[in-house]
Amino acid sequence: MNLKKILFLIFSSISLFLFAQEPIKYKFYGFIRSDFHYNSRQNVEAIDGLFHLFPKPIEIDLLTNEDVNAIPQSEMLSIATRFGFDITGADILGAKSSAKIETDFAGFASNFYVLRIRHAYTKLNWIKSELLVGQTWHPLFGSVMPTIPSLNTGSPFQPFNRSPQIRFKYNLKKTFSVLVAASYQMQYTSQGPFGASAVYLKNAMLPDMFLGTECKTEHWTTGVGIDAKIIKPSKEKLSSVSVVAYTQFINTKFQFKVKSILGQNLTDYVVPCGYGVSDTTATGTPKSFTNLNMISTWMNAVYGKKFQIGIFLGYSQNLGASQALISKNGKYQLMVMAFITK
């Protein structure tokens, strides 16, 4: 397949509903969701606590000799309410065309919540291949995710990211496929010297690249993948590589899932693994950086269909930096998740 044909396929996918000759079918879906949560202490969190990560450590106030984070909290919010459209369009170049638009109210602006994009993509499906253009789950989030009630979907053990991307999947056999994707950052961005921003990836001039394989049968889904990313937080670039492996078994009433990731610089996936300063200029400003490394594994078992009972277990370990870190005033200069550093 030459470059001209690939560009034409991408343009056709984007322009799907502008040039469709056949009637377009829409399916509306959604739900109203209200969450109440109680925590016995302060936590590292986002979206006013709906996206929970982990409890804050003990921090003793020298004046009162009390733990300043040992303060309980509770809240109720309905911003996870969601709606969307599944759209079926005309055939294009022998492919079945479809699209999805999905939103909720968890976007944040100043002191109130607003609509935000969750998914917005078009798809072309041939007999053996699939082309997707738009925003959806990053391949590192994957087709295997925990079945849990929490909005965080297993974070910080499970990578969490929706990104604009071009994704192509080819089925080598009935149960075996290969996937390649190029993605950019929007809502989930890398940390850097000027805070969380998509500019570090844009300045590197290359998208985040993912390559993976997956075997899927009636009950089992097993896959591996590798993700490569280059950012430019200063004059020098930083390359990061992450590897993921997963498997799941699902039948009528029982689910068992396992995923492991060995990664570098995963701040854009809501994982506390970023990078640090390895060299500075004569004035002390950051010059070059080195990756922080981590390993994370989770296991999820669920039983039931209409009513479910389950367990989720996660383990994460910091494996240190790839190179020696430079300290400033006795502290290492690290770039990790925004709501951890604040």
C-alpha atoms as a PDB file:
ATOM      1  CA  MET A   1       0.000   0.000   0.000  1.00  0.00           C
ATOM      2  CA  ASN A   2       1.682   3.240  -1.137  1.00  0.00           C
ATOM      3  CA  LEU A   3       1.679   6.575   0.681  1.00  0.00           C
ATOM      4  CA  LYS A   4      -0.903   8.136  -1.658  1.00  0.00           C
ATOM      5  CA  LYS A   5      -3.413   5.378  -0.935  1.00  0.00           C
ATOM      6  CA  ILE A   6      -2.821   5.581   2.836  1.00  0.00           C
ATOM      7  CA  LEU A   7      -3.429   9.356   2.801  1.00  0.00           C
ATOM      8  CA  PHE A   8      -6.559   8.836   0.743  1.00  0.00           C
ATOM      9  CA  LEU A   9      -7.869   6.269   3.247  1.00  0.00           C
ATOM     10  CA  ILE A  10      -7.260   8.648   6.135  1.00  0.00           C
ATOM     11  CA  PHE A  11      -8.993  11.505   4.337  1.00  0.00           C
ATOM     12  CA  SER A  12     -11.893   9.228   3.434  1.00  0.00           C
ATOM     13  CA  SER A  13     -12.264   8.199   7.075  1.00  0.00           C
ATOM     14  CA  ILE A  14     -12.299  11.806   8.299  1.00  0.00           C
ATOM     15  CA  SER A  15     -14.722  12.893   5.564  1.00  0.00           C
ATOM     16  CA  LEU A  16     -16.934   9.845   6.000  1.00  0.00           C
ATOM     17  CA  PHE A  17     -20.179  11.574   6.820  1.00  0.00           C
ATOM     18  CA  LEU A  18     -19.724  14.546   4.531  1.00  0.00           C
ATOM     19  CA  PHE A  19     -19.657  12.442   1.385  1.00  0.00           C
ATOM     20  CA  ALA A  20     -21.856   9.484   2.409  1.00  0.00           C
ATOM     21  CA  GLN A  21     -24.484   8.552  -0.199  1.00  0.00           C
ATOM     22  CA  GLU A  22     -26.379   6.078   1.968  1.00  0.00           C
ATOM     23  CA  PRO A  23     -28.567   6.915   4.994  1.00  0.00           C
ATOM     24  CA  ILE A  24     -26.599   7.357   8.205  1.00  0.00           C
ATOM     25  CA  LYS A  25     -27.817   5.437  11.248  1.00  0.00           C
ATOM     26  CA  TYR A  26     -27.442   6.835  14.772  1.00  0.00           C
ATOM     27  CA  LYS A  27     -27.679   5.004  18.073  1.00  0.00           C
ATOM     28  CA  PHE A  28     -27.890   7.185  21.169  1.00  0.00           C
ATOM     29  CA  TYR A  29     -26.651   5.813  24.502  1.00  0.00           C
ATOM     30  CA  GLY A  30     -25.696   7.078  27.932  1.00  0.00           C
ATOM     31  CA  PHE A  31     -26.437   7.024  31.632  1.00  0.00           C
ATOM     32  CA  ILE A  32     -26.889   9.265  34.637  1.00  0.00           C
ATOM     33  CA  ARG A  33     -24.367   8.485  37.353  1.00  0.00           C
ATOM     34  CA  SER A  34     -24.056   9.908  40.862  1.00  0.00           C
ATOM     35  CA  ASP A  35     -21.023   8.986  42.968  1.00  0.00           C
ATOM     36  CA  PHE A  36     -20.645   9.346  46.729  1.00  0.00           C
ATOM     37  CA  HIS A  37     -17.247   8.686  48.279  1.00  0.00           C
ATOM     38  CA  TYR A  38     -15.765   8.730  51.757  1.00  0.00           C
ATOM     39  CA  ASN A  39     -12.046   8.686  52.544  1.00  0.00           C
ATOM     40  CA  SER A  40     -10.530   8.305  55.991  1.00  0.00           C
ATOM     41  CA  ARG A  41      -7.631  10.645  55.048  1.00  0.00           C
ATOM     42  CA  GLN A  42      -6.455  13.027  52.311  1.00  0.00           C
ATOM     43  CA  ASN A  43      -5.561  11.445  48.970  1.00  0.00           C
ATOM     44  CA  VAL A  44      -3.695  12.038  45.733  1.00  0.00           C
ATOM     45  CA  GLU A  45      -6.655  12.466  43.385  1.00  0.00           C
ATOM     46  CA  ALA A  46      -8.217  14.287  40.442  1.00  0.00           C
ATOM     47  CA  ILE A  47     -11.744  15.428  39.462  1.00  0.00           C
ATOM     48  CA  ASP A  48     -12.550  16.369  43.061  1.00  0.00           C
ATOM     49  CA  GLY A  49     -11.805  12.873  44.324  1.00  0.00           C
ATOM     50  CA  LEU A  50     -13.755  10.822  41.769  1.00  0.00           C
ATOM     51  CA  PHE A  51     -10.439   9.831  40.175  1.00  0.00           C
ATOM     52  CA  HIS A  52      -8.700   8.369  43.229  1.00  0.00           C
ATOM     53  CA  LEU A  53      -5.071   7.254  43.108  1.00  0.00           C
ATOM     54  CA  PHE A  54      -3.583   6.594  46.562  1.00  0.00           C
ATOM     55  CA  PRO A  55      -3.544   8.012  50.121  1.00  0.00           C
ATOM     56  CA  LYS A  56      -1.124  10.818  50.918  1.00  0.00           C
ATOM     57  CA  PRO A  57       1.770   9.844  53.238  1.00  0.00           C
ATOM     58  CA  ILE A  58       2.029  10.769  56.903  1.00  0.00           C
ATOM     59  CA  GLU A  59       3.133  14.402  57.256  1.00  0.00           C
ATOM     60  CA  ILE A  60       3.645  15.604  60.837  1.00  0.00           C
ATOM     61  CA  ASP A  61       3.028  19.244  61.720  1.00  0.00           C
ATOM     62  CA  LEU A  62       5.957  20.264  63.958  1.00  0.00           C
ATOM     63  CA  LEU A  63       3.790  22.668  65.947  1.00  0.00           C
ATOM     64  CA  THR A  64       0.852  20.351  66.704  1.00  0.00           C
ATOM     65  CA  ASN A  65       2.660  17.004  66.275  1.00  0.00           C
ATOM     66  CA  GLU A  66      -0.337  15.819  64.243  1.00  0.00           C
ATOM     67  CA  ASP A  67      -0.586  14.245  60.796  1.00  0.00           C
ATOM     68  CA  VAL A  68      -1.889  17.021  58.517  1.00  0.00           C
ATOM     69  CA  ASN A  69      -3.186  14.423  56.024  1.00  0.00           C
ATOM     70  CA  ALA A  70      -5.214  12.508  58.621  1.00  0.00           C
ATOM     71  CA  ILE A  71      -8.357  14.468  57.742  1.00  0.00           C
ATOM     72  CA  PRO A  72     -11.384  12.513  56.458  1.00  0.00           C
ATOM     73  CA  GLN A  73     -13.455  13.791  53.556  1.00  0.00           C
ATOM     74  CA  SER A  74     -16.662  12.939  51.702  1.00  0.00           C
ATOM     75  CA  GLU A  75     -18.405  14.259  48.609  1.00  0.00           C
ATOM     76  CA  MET A  76     -21.132  13.508  46.061  1.00  0.00           C
ATOM     77  CA  LEU A  77     -20.900  14.399  42.357  1.00  0.00           C
ATOM     78  CA  SER A  78     -22.879  13.582  39.194  1.00  0.00           C
ATOM     79  CA  ILE A  79     -20.309  14.774  36.648  1.00  0.00           C
ATOM     80  CA  ALA A  80     -19.566  11.214  35.453  1.00  0.00           C
ATOM     81  CA  THR A  81     -22.966  11.293  33.707  1.00  0.00           C
ATOM     82  CA  ARG A  82     -22.267  10.335  30.096  1.00  0.00           C
ATOM     83  CA  PHE A  83     -23.882  10.262  26.665  1.00  0.00           C
ATOM     84  CA  GLY A  84     -22.783   9.473  23.147  1.00  0.00           C
ATOM     85  CA  PHE A  85     -23.642   8.379  19.621  1.00  0.00           C
ATOM     86  CA  ASP A  86     -22.638   5.277  17.695  1.00  0.00           C
ATOM     87  CA  ILE A  87     -22.909   6.064  13.995  1.00  0.00           C
ATOM     88  CA  THR A  88     -22.997   3.727  10.985  1.00  0.00           C
ATOM     89  CA  GLY A  89     -22.358   5.231   7.568  1.00  0.00           C
ATOM     90  CA  ALA A  90     -21.872   4.245   3.957  1.00  0.00           C
ATOM     91  CA  ASP A  91     -19.322   1.729   2.668  1.00  0.00           C
ATOM     92  CA  ILE A  92     -16.046   3.343   1.600  1.00  0.00           C
ATOM     93  CA  LEU A  93     -13.577   1.475  -0.641  1.00  0.00           C
ATOM     94  CA  GLY A  94     -15.244  -1.811   0.309  1.00  0.00           C
ATOM     95  CA  ALA A  95     -15.029  -1.102   4.045  1.00  0.00           C
ATOM     96  CA  LYS A  96     -17.842  -0.818   6.586  1.00  0.00           C
ATOM     97  CA  SER A  97     -17.731   2.674   8.047  1.00  0.00           C
ATOM     98  CA  SER A  98     -18.660   3.726  11.565  1.00  0.00           C
ATOM     99  CA  ALA A  99     -17.976   6.454  14.099  1.00  0.00           C
ATOM    100  CA  LYS A 100     -18.330   7.258  17.780  1.00  0.00           C
ATOM    101  CA  ILE A 101     -18.823  10.522  19.647  1.00  0.00           C
ATOM    102  CA  GLU A 102     -18.881  10.325  23.459  1.00  0.00           C
ATOM    103  CA  THR A 103     -18.765  12.970  26.174  1.00  0.00           C
ATOM    104  CA  ASP A 104     -19.277  13.518  29.888  1.00  0.00           C
ATOM    105  CA  PHE A 105     -19.293  16.496  32.270  1.00  0.00           C
ATOM    106  CA  ALA A 106     -15.871  15.942  33.878  1.00  0.00           C
ATOM    107  CA  GLY A 107     -14.073  18.718  32.025  1.00  0.00           C
ATOM    108  CA  PHE A 108     -12.841  21.413  34.389  1.00  0.00           C
ATOM    109  CA  ALA A 109     -12.881  25.171  33.807  1.00  0.00           C
ATOM    110  CA  SER A 110     -12.104  27.615  36.627  1.00  0.00           C
ATOM    111  CA  ASN A 111     -14.696  26.739  39.273  1.00  0.00           C
ATOM    112  CA  PHE A 112     -17.242  24.575  37.426  1.00  0.00           C
ATOM    113  CA  TYR A 113     -17.465  21.423  35.297  1.00  0.00           C
ATOM    114  CA  VAL A 114     -18.143  21.403  31.562  1.00  0.00           C
ATOM    115  CA  LEU A 115     -18.564  18.954  28.695  1.00  0.00           C
ATOM    116  CA  ARG A 116     -15.381  17.227  27.511  1.00  0.00           C
ATOM    117  CA  ILE A 117     -14.545  14.857  24.665  1.00  0.00           C
ATOM    118  CA  ARG A 118     -14.026  11.236  25.657  1.00  0.00           C
ATOM    119  CA  HIS A 119     -14.179   9.572  22.243  1.00  0.00           C
ATOM    120  CA  ALA A 120     -14.443  11.118  18.781  1.00  0.00           C
ATOM    121  CA  TYR A 121     -13.321   8.867  15.934  1.00  0.00           C
ATOM    122  CA  THR A 122     -14.225   7.248  12.629  1.00  0.00           C
ATOM    123  CA  LYS A 123     -13.452   3.670  11.598  1.00  0.00           C
ATOM    124  CA  LEU A 124     -13.171   1.717   8.369  1.00  0.00           C
ATOM    125  CA  ASN A 125     -13.462  -2.070   8.654  1.00  0.00           C
ATOM    126  CA  TRP A 126     -12.438  -4.461   5.903  1.00  0.00           C
ATOM    127  CA  ILE A 127     -12.540  -8.250   6.177  1.00  0.00           C
ATOM    128  CA  LYS A 128      -8.995  -8.460   7.566  1.00  0.00           C
ATOM    129  CA  SER A 129      -8.115  -4.920   8.608  1.00  0.00           C
ATOM    130  CA  GLU A 130      -9.317  -1.839  10.465  1.00  0.00           C
ATOM    131  CA  LEU A 131      -8.341   1.839  10.213  1.00  0.00           C
ATOM    132  CA  LEU A 132      -9.246   4.227  13.066  1.00  0.00           C
ATOM    133  CA  VAL A 133      -8.729   7.995  12.996  1.00  0.00           C
ATOM    134  CA  GLY A 134      -9.606  10.194  15.975  1.00  0.00           C
ATOM    135  CA  GLN A 135      -9.527  10.206  19.760  1.00  0.00           C
ATOM    136  CA  THR A 136     -10.014   7.060  21.804  1.00  0.00           C
ATOM    137  CA  TRP A 137      -8.176   4.903  24.345  1.00  0.00           C
ATOM    138  CA  HIS A 138      -4.427   4.763  23.827  1.00  0.00           C
ATOM    139  CA  PRO A 139      -3.240   1.241  22.867  1.00  0.00           C
ATOM    140  CA  LEU A 140      -1.231   1.099  26.117  1.00  0.00           C
ATOM    141  CA  PHE A 141      -4.559   1.292  27.962  1.00  0.00           C
ATOM    142  CA  GLY A 142      -5.461  -1.649  25.745  1.00  0.00           C
ATOM    143  CA  SER A 143      -8.333  -4.047  25.234  1.00  0.00           C
ATOM    144  CA  VAL A 144      -7.856  -5.570  28.714  1.00  0.00           C
ATOM    145  CA  MET A 145      -8.949  -3.277  31.546  1.00  0.00           C
ATOM    146  CA  PRO A 146     -10.182  -3.960  35.103  1.00  0.00           C
ATOM    147  CA  THR A 147     -13.884  -4.428  35.814  1.00  0.00           C
ATOM    148  CA  ILE A 148     -14.293  -2.112  38.814  1.00  0.00           C
ATOM    149  CA  PRO A 149     -16.848   0.566  39.827  1.00  0.00           C
ATOM    150  CA  SER A 150     -14.255   3.324  40.337  1.00  0.00           C
ATOM    151  CA  LEU A 151     -13.874   5.980  37.645  1.00  0.00           C
ATOM    152  CA  ASN A 152     -10.069   5.584  37.755  1.00  0.00           C
ATOM    153  CA  THR A 153     -10.281   2.155  36.036  1.00  0.00           C
ATOM    154  CA  GLY A 154      -7.342   0.762  37.997  1.00  0.00           C
ATOM    155  CA  SER A 155      -5.005   3.797  38.069  1.00  0.00           C
ATOM    156  CA  PRO A 156      -2.208   4.225  38.967  1.00  0.00           C
ATOM    157  CA  PHE A 157      -1.478   0.537  38.224  1.00  0.00           C
ATOM    158  CA  GLN A 158      -3.380   0.592  34.913  1.00  0.00           C
ATOM    159  CA  PRO A 159      -2.173   3.178  32.339  1.00  0.00           C
ATOM    160  CA  PHE A 160      -5.010   5.654  31.712  1.00  0.00           C
ATOM    161  CA  ASN A 161      -4.984   7.728  28.531  1.00  0.00           C
ATOM    162  CA  ARG A 162      -7.246   8.795  25.669  1.00  0.00           C
ATOM    163  CA  SER A 163      -5.410  10.428  22.761  1.00  0.00           C
ATOM    164  CA  PRO A 164      -5.883  11.622  19.162  1.00  0.00           C
ATOM    165  CA  GLN A 165      -4.411   8.880  16.991  1.00  0.00           C
ATOM    166  CA  ILE A 166      -4.217   7.003  13.727  1.00  0.00           C
ATOM    167  CA  ARG A 167      -4.461   3.272  14.359  1.00  0.00           C
ATOM    168  CA  PHE A 168      -4.265   0.377  11.896  1.00  0.00           C
ATOM    169  CA  LYS A 169      -4.999  -3.245  12.811  1.00  0.00           C
ATOM    170  CA  TYR A 170      -4.454  -6.233  10.526  1.00  0.00           C
ATOM    171  CA  ASN A 171      -5.776  -9.745  11.214  1.00  0.00           C
ATOM    172  CA  LEU A 172      -3.095 -12.245  10.201  1.00  0.00           C
ATOM    173  CA  LYS A 173      -5.333 -15.121  11.238  1.00  0.00           C
ATOM    174  CA  LYS A 174      -8.849 -15.483  12.621  1.00  0.00           C
ATOM    175  CA  THR A 175      -7.603 -15.101  16.197  1.00  0.00           C
ATOM    176  CA  PHE A 176      -4.295 -13.243  15.727  1.00  0.00           C
ATOM    177  CA  SER A 177      -3.816  -9.550  14.869  1.00  0.00           C
ATOM    178  CA  VAL A 178      -1.094  -6.895  14.652  1.00  0.00           C
ATOM    179  CA  LEU A 179      -1.690  -3.247  15.577  1.00  0.00           C
ATOM    180  CA  VAL A 180       0.327  -0.116  14.878  1.00  0.00           C
ATOM    181  CA  ALA A 181      -0.642   3.350  16.108  1.00  0.00           C
ATOM    182  CA  ALA A 182       0.673   6.910  16.047  1.00  0.00           C
ATOM    183  CA  SER A 183      -0.795   9.197  18.698  1.00  0.00           C
ATOM    184  CA  TYR A 184      -0.501  12.743  19.979  1.00  0.00           C
ATOM    185  CA  GLN A 185      -1.355  14.340  23.326  1.00  0.00           C
ATOM    186  CA  MET A 186      -4.350  16.456  24.293  1.00  0.00           C
ATOM    187  CA  GLN A 187      -6.044  15.836  27.666  1.00  0.00           C
ATOM    188  CA  TYR A 188      -3.314  13.557  29.023  1.00  0.00           C
ATOM    189  CA  THR A 189       0.050  15.257  28.605  1.00  0.00           C
ATOM    190  CA  SER A 190       3.682  14.866  29.651  1.00  0.00           C
ATOM    191  CA  GLN A 191       5.159  16.737  32.584  1.00  0.00           C
ATOM    192  CA  GLY A 192       8.033  19.143  32.052  1.00  0.00           C
ATOM    193  CA  PRO A 193       9.869  22.235  33.308  1.00  0.00           C
ATOM    194  CA  PHE A 194       6.778  24.370  32.564  1.00  0.00           C
ATOM    195  CA  GLY A 195       4.192  21.934  33.928  1.00  0.00           C
ATOM    196  CA  ALA A 196       1.971  19.451  32.105  1.00  0.00           C
ATOM    197  CA  SER A 197       1.768  20.273  28.402  1.00  0.00           C
ATOM    198  CA  ALA A 198       1.519  18.698  24.955  1.00  0.00           C
ATOM    199  CA  VAL A 199       4.241  21.058  23.729  1.00  0.00           C
ATOM    200  CA  TYR A 200       7.106  18.716  24.744  1.00  0.00           C
ATOM    201  CA  LEU A 201       5.840  16.012  22.356  1.00  0.00           C
ATOM    202  CA  LYS A 202       5.007  18.537  19.625  1.00  0.00           C
ATOM    203  CA  ASN A 203       8.485  20.063  19.799  1.00  0.00           C
ATOM    204  CA  ALA A 204      10.009  16.617  19.236  1.00  0.00           C
ATOM    205  CA  MET A 205       8.198  16.504  15.851  1.00  0.00           C
ATOM    206  CA  LEU A 206       7.287  12.816  16.160  1.00  0.00           C
ATOM    207  CA  PRO A 207       4.137  11.113  17.474  1.00  0.00           C
ATOM    208  CA  ASP A 208       4.037   8.502  20.199  1.00  0.00           C
ATOM    209  CA  MET A 209       4.399   5.136  18.405  1.00  0.00           C
ATOM    210  CA  PHE A 210       2.917   1.794  19.479  1.00  0.00           C
ATOM    211  CA  LEU A 211       3.318  -1.697  18.023  1.00  0.00           C
ATOM    212  CA  GLY A 212       1.471  -4.691  19.446  1.00  0.00           C
ATOM    213  CA  THR A 213       0.158  -8.162  18.744  1.00  0.00           C
ATOM    214  CA  GLU A 214      -2.910  -9.847  20.206  1.00  0.00           C
ATOM    215  CA  CYS A 215      -4.475 -13.307  20.173  1.00  0.00           C
ATOM    216  CA  LYS A 216      -8.218 -13.373  20.840  1.00  0.00           C
ATOM    217  CA  THR A 217     -10.414 -16.462  21.119  1.00  0.00           C
ATOM    218  CA  GLU A 218     -13.930 -17.000  22.471  1.00  0.00           C
ATOM    219  CA  HIS A 219     -12.815 -16.757  26.122  1.00  0.00           C
ATOM    220  CA  TRP A 220      -9.157 -15.661  26.088  1.00  0.00           C
ATOM    221  CA  THR A 221      -7.450 -12.400  25.077  1.00  0.00           C
ATOM    222  CA  THR A 222      -3.648 -12.264  25.289  1.00  0.00           C
ATOM    223  CA  GLY A 223      -1.288  -9.641  23.938  1.00  0.00           C
ATOM    224  CA  VAL A 224       2.037  -7.798  24.137  1.00  0.00           C
ATOM    225  CA  GLY A 225       3.069  -4.363  22.944  1.00  0.00           C
ATOM    226  CA  ILE A 226       5.854  -1.805  22.921  1.00  0.00           C
ATOM    227  CA  ASP A 227       5.421   1.967  23.105  1.00  0.00           C
ATOM    228  CA  ALA A 228       8.090   4.511  22.122  1.00  0.00           C
ATOM    229  CA  LYS A 229       7.923   8.243  22.808  1.00  0.00           C
ATOM    230  CA  ILE A 230      10.271  11.189  22.279  1.00  0.00           C
ATOM    231  CA  ILE A 231       9.740  14.514  24.016  1.00  0.00           C
ATOM    232  CA  LYS A 232      11.767  17.724  23.973  1.00  0.00           C
ATOM    233  CA  PRO A 233      11.532  19.447  27.362  1.00  0.00           C
ATOM    234  CA  SER A 234      14.653  21.536  26.657  1.00  0.00           C
ATOM    235  CA  LYS A 235      17.169  21.809  23.821  1.00  0.00           C
ATOM    236  CA  GLU A 236      17.835  18.079  24.117  1.00  0.00           C
ATOM    237  CA  LYS A 237      15.333  15.307  23.480  1.00  0.00           C
ATOM    238  CA  LEU A 238      14.396  12.440  25.795  1.00  0.00           C
ATOM    239  CA  SER A 239      13.427   8.999  24.459  1.00  0.00           C
ATOM    240  CA  SER A 240      11.293   6.614  26.511  1.00  0.00           C
ATOM    241  CA  VAL A 241      10.220   3.009  25.912  1.00  0.00           C
ATOM    242  CA  SER A 242       7.539   0.969  27.682  1.00  0.00           C
ATOM    243  CA  VAL A 243       6.534  -2.682  27.289  1.00  0.00           C
ATOM    244  CA  VAL A 244       3.135  -4.142  28.218  1.00  0.00           C
ATOM    245  CA  ALA A 245       1.822  -7.729  28.470  1.00  0.00           C
ATOM    246  CA  TYR A 246      -1.681  -8.837  29.402  1.00  0.00           C
ATOM    247  CA  THR A 247      -4.158 -11.698  29.404  1.00  0.00           C
ATOM    248  CA  GLN A 248      -7.786 -12.215  30.358  1.00  0.00           C
ATOM    249  CA  PHE A 249     -10.327 -15.025  30.563  1.00  0.00           C
ATOM    250  CA  ILE A 250     -14.048 -14.243  30.345  1.00  0.00           C
ATOM    251  CA  ASN A 251     -17.033 -16.584  30.274  1.00  0.00           C
ATOM    252  CA  THR A 252     -20.695 -16.113  31.163  1.00  0.00           C
ATOM    253  CA  LYS A 253     -20.163 -15.330  34.863  1.00  0.00           C
ATOM    254  CA  PHE A 254     -16.422 -15.291  35.581  1.00  0.00           C
ATOM    255  CA  GLN A 255     -13.669 -12.841  34.603  1.00  0.00           C
ATOM    256  CA  PHE A 256      -9.950 -13.084  35.345  1.00  0.00           C
ATOM    257  CA  LYS A 257      -7.514 -10.422  34.107  1.00  0.00           C
ATOM    258  CA  VAL A 258      -3.790  -9.687  34.550  1.00  0.00           C
ATOM    259  CA  LYS A 259      -1.639  -6.897  33.101  1.00  0.00           C
ATOM    260  CA  SER A 260       2.004  -5.909  33.635  1.00  0.00           C
ATOM    261  CA  ILE A 261       3.919  -2.916  32.342  1.00  0.00           C
ATOM    262  CA  LEU A 262       7.631  -2.106  32.460  1.00  0.00           C
ATOM    263  CA  GLY A 263       7.785   1.564  31.616  1.00  0.00           C
ATOM    264  CA  GLN A 264       9.588   4.890  31.438  1.00  0.00           C
ATOM    265  CA  ASN A 265       8.223   8.435  31.686  1.00  0.00           C
ATOM    266  CA  LEU A 266       4.503   7.581  31.961  1.00  0.00           C
ATOM    267  CA  THR A 267       3.159  10.845  33.377  1.00  0.00           C
ATOM    268  CA  ASP A 268       0.805  11.186  30.397  1.00  0.00           C
ATOM    269  CA  TYR A 269      -0.791   7.862  31.438  1.00  0.00           C
ATOM    270  CA  VAL A 270      -1.547   8.990  35.022  1.00  0.00           C
ATOM    271  CA  VAL A 271       1.286   6.800  36.325  1.00  0.00           C
ATOM    272  CA  PRO A 272       3.783   8.237  38.888  1.00  0.00           C
ATOM    273  CA  CYS A 273       6.805   7.574  36.678  1.00  0.00           C
ATOM    274  CA  GLY A 274       8.332  10.603  34.966  1.00  0.00           C
ATOM    275  CA  TYR A 275      11.897  11.794  34.476  1.00  0.00           C
ATOM    276  CA  GLY A 276      14.513  13.915  36.183  1.00  0.00           C
ATOM    277  CA  VAL A 277      17.327  16.335  35.480  1.00  0.00           C
ATOM    278  CA  SER A 278      20.665  14.662  34.640  1.00  0.00           C
ATOM    279  CA  ASP A 279      22.623  17.754  33.644  1.00  0.00           C
ATOM    280  CA  THR A 280      22.334  21.533  33.988  1.00  0.00           C
ATOM    281  CA  THR A 281      23.744  24.612  32.304  1.00  0.00           C
ATOM    282  CA  ALA A 282      26.277  26.934  33.932  1.00  0.00           C
ATOM    283  CA  THR A 283      23.362  28.967  35.321  1.00  0.00           C
ATOM    284  CA  GLY A 284      21.755  25.885  36.891  1.00  0.00           C
ATOM    285  CA  THR A 285      18.807  25.519  34.517  1.00  0.00           C
ATOM    286  CA  PRO A 286      17.908  21.991  33.317  1.00  0.00           C
ATOM    287  CA  LYS A 287      19.833  20.942  30.221  1.00  0.00           C
ATOM    288  CA  SER A 288      19.313  17.201  29.788  1.00  0.00           C
ATOM    289  CA  PHE A 289      17.053  14.614  31.400  1.00  0.00           C
ATOM    290  CA  THR A 290      16.930  10.919  32.242  1.00  0.00           C
ATOM    291  CA  ASN A 291      14.008   8.527  32.529  1.00  0.00           C
ATOM    292  CA  LEU A 292      12.583   7.169  35.742  1.00  0.00           C
ATOM    293  CA  ASN A 293      11.773   3.452  35.436  1.00  0.00           C
ATOM    294  CA  MET A 294       8.946   1.492  37.036  1.00  0.00           C
ATOM    295  CA  ILE A 295       7.137  -1.828  36.962  1.00  0.00           C
ATOM    296  CA  SER A 296       3.437  -2.185  37.634  1.00  0.00           C
ATOM    297  CA  THR A 297       1.183  -5.258  37.765  1.00  0.00           C
ATOM    298  CA  TRP A 298      -2.501  -5.682  38.548  1.00  0.00           C
ATOM    299  CA  MET A 299      -4.888  -8.626  38.864  1.00  0.00           C
ATOM    300  CA  ASN A 300      -8.683  -8.525  38.713  1.00  0.00           C
ATOM    301  CA  ALA A 301     -11.179 -11.334  39.357  1.00  0.00           C
ATOM    302  CA  VAL A 302     -14.947 -10.834  39.043  1.00  0.00           C
ATOM    303  CA  TYR A 303     -17.876 -13.220  39.423  1.00  0.00           C
ATOM    304  CA  GLY A 304     -21.469 -12.597  38.422  1.00  0.00           C
ATOM    305  CA  LYS A 305     -23.503 -11.166  35.563  1.00  0.00           C
ATOM    306  CA  LYS A 306     -26.367  -8.959  36.792  1.00  0.00           C
ATOM    307  CA  PHE A 307     -24.847  -8.569  40.265  1.00  0.00           C
ATOM    308  CA  GLN A 308     -21.075  -8.858  40.504  1.00  0.00           C
ATOM    309  CA  ILE A 309     -18.509  -9.360  43.239  1.00  0.00           C
ATOM    310  CA  GLY A 310     -14.840  -8.855  42.540  1.00  0.00           C
ATOM    311  CA  ILE A 311     -11.341  -8.120  43.763  1.00  0.00           C
ATOM    312  CA  PHE A 312      -8.645  -5.843  42.343  1.00  0.00           C
ATOM    313  CA  LEU A 313      -4.997  -6.066  43.448  1.00  0.00           C
ATOM    314  CA  GLY A 314      -2.169  -3.858  42.216  1.00  0.00           C
ATOM    315  CA  TYR A 315       1.578  -3.648  42.778  1.00  0.00           C
ATOM    316  CA  SER A 316       3.917  -0.884  41.579  1.00  0.00           C
ATOM    317  CA  GLN A 317       7.637  -0.348  42.199  1.00  0.00           C
ATOM    318  CA  ASN A 318       9.976   2.519  41.373  1.00  0.00           C
ATOM    319  CA  LEU A 319      13.106   1.087  39.712  1.00  0.00           C
ATOM    320  CA  GLY A 320      15.081   4.340  39.847  1.00  0.00           C
ATOM    321  CA  ALA A 321      16.606   6.531  37.161  1.00  0.00           C
ATOM    322  CA  SER A 322      18.478   5.392  34.061  1.00  0.00           C
ATOM    323  CA  GLN A 323      21.305   7.873  34.824  1.00  0.00           C
ATOM    324  CA  ALA A 324      22.471   9.774  37.881  1.00  0.00           C
ATOM    325  CA  LEU A 325      20.172  12.647  38.855  1.00  0.00           C
ATOM    326  CA  ILE A 326      21.282  16.197  39.599  1.00  0.00           C
ATOM    327  CA  SER A 327      20.131  17.600  42.932  1.00  0.00           C
ATOM    328  CA  LYS A 328      19.310  21.192  43.769  1.00  0.00           C
ATOM    329  CA  ASN A 329      19.222  22.368  47.375  1.00  0.00           C
ATOM    330  CA  GLY A 330      19.397  18.740  48.463  1.00  0.00           C
ATOM    331  CA  LYS A 331      16.367  17.700  46.337  1.00  0.00           C
ATOM    332  CA  TYR A 332      16.230  15.915  43.007  1.00  0.00           C
ATOM    333  CA  GLN A 333      14.513  17.792  40.182  1.00  0.00           C
ATOM    334  CA  LEU A 334      11.787  15.406  39.067  1.00  0.00           C
ATOM    335  CA  MET A 335       8.890  15.681  36.611  1.00  0.00           C
ATOM    336  CA  VAL A 336       6.018  13.475  37.773  1.00  0.00           C
ATOM    337  CA  MET A 337       2.219  13.703  37.674  1.00  0.00           C
ATOM    338  CA  ALA A 338       0.855  17.242  37.953  1.00  0.00           C
ATOM    339  CA  PHE A 339      -1.494  16.597  40.867  1.00  0.00           C
ATOM    340  CA  ILE A 340       1.325  14.885  42.781  1.00  0.00           C
ATOM    341  CA  THR A 341       3.774  17.768  42.414  1.00  0.00           C
ATOM    342  CA  LYS A 342       1.198  20.434  43.301  1.00  0.00           C
END
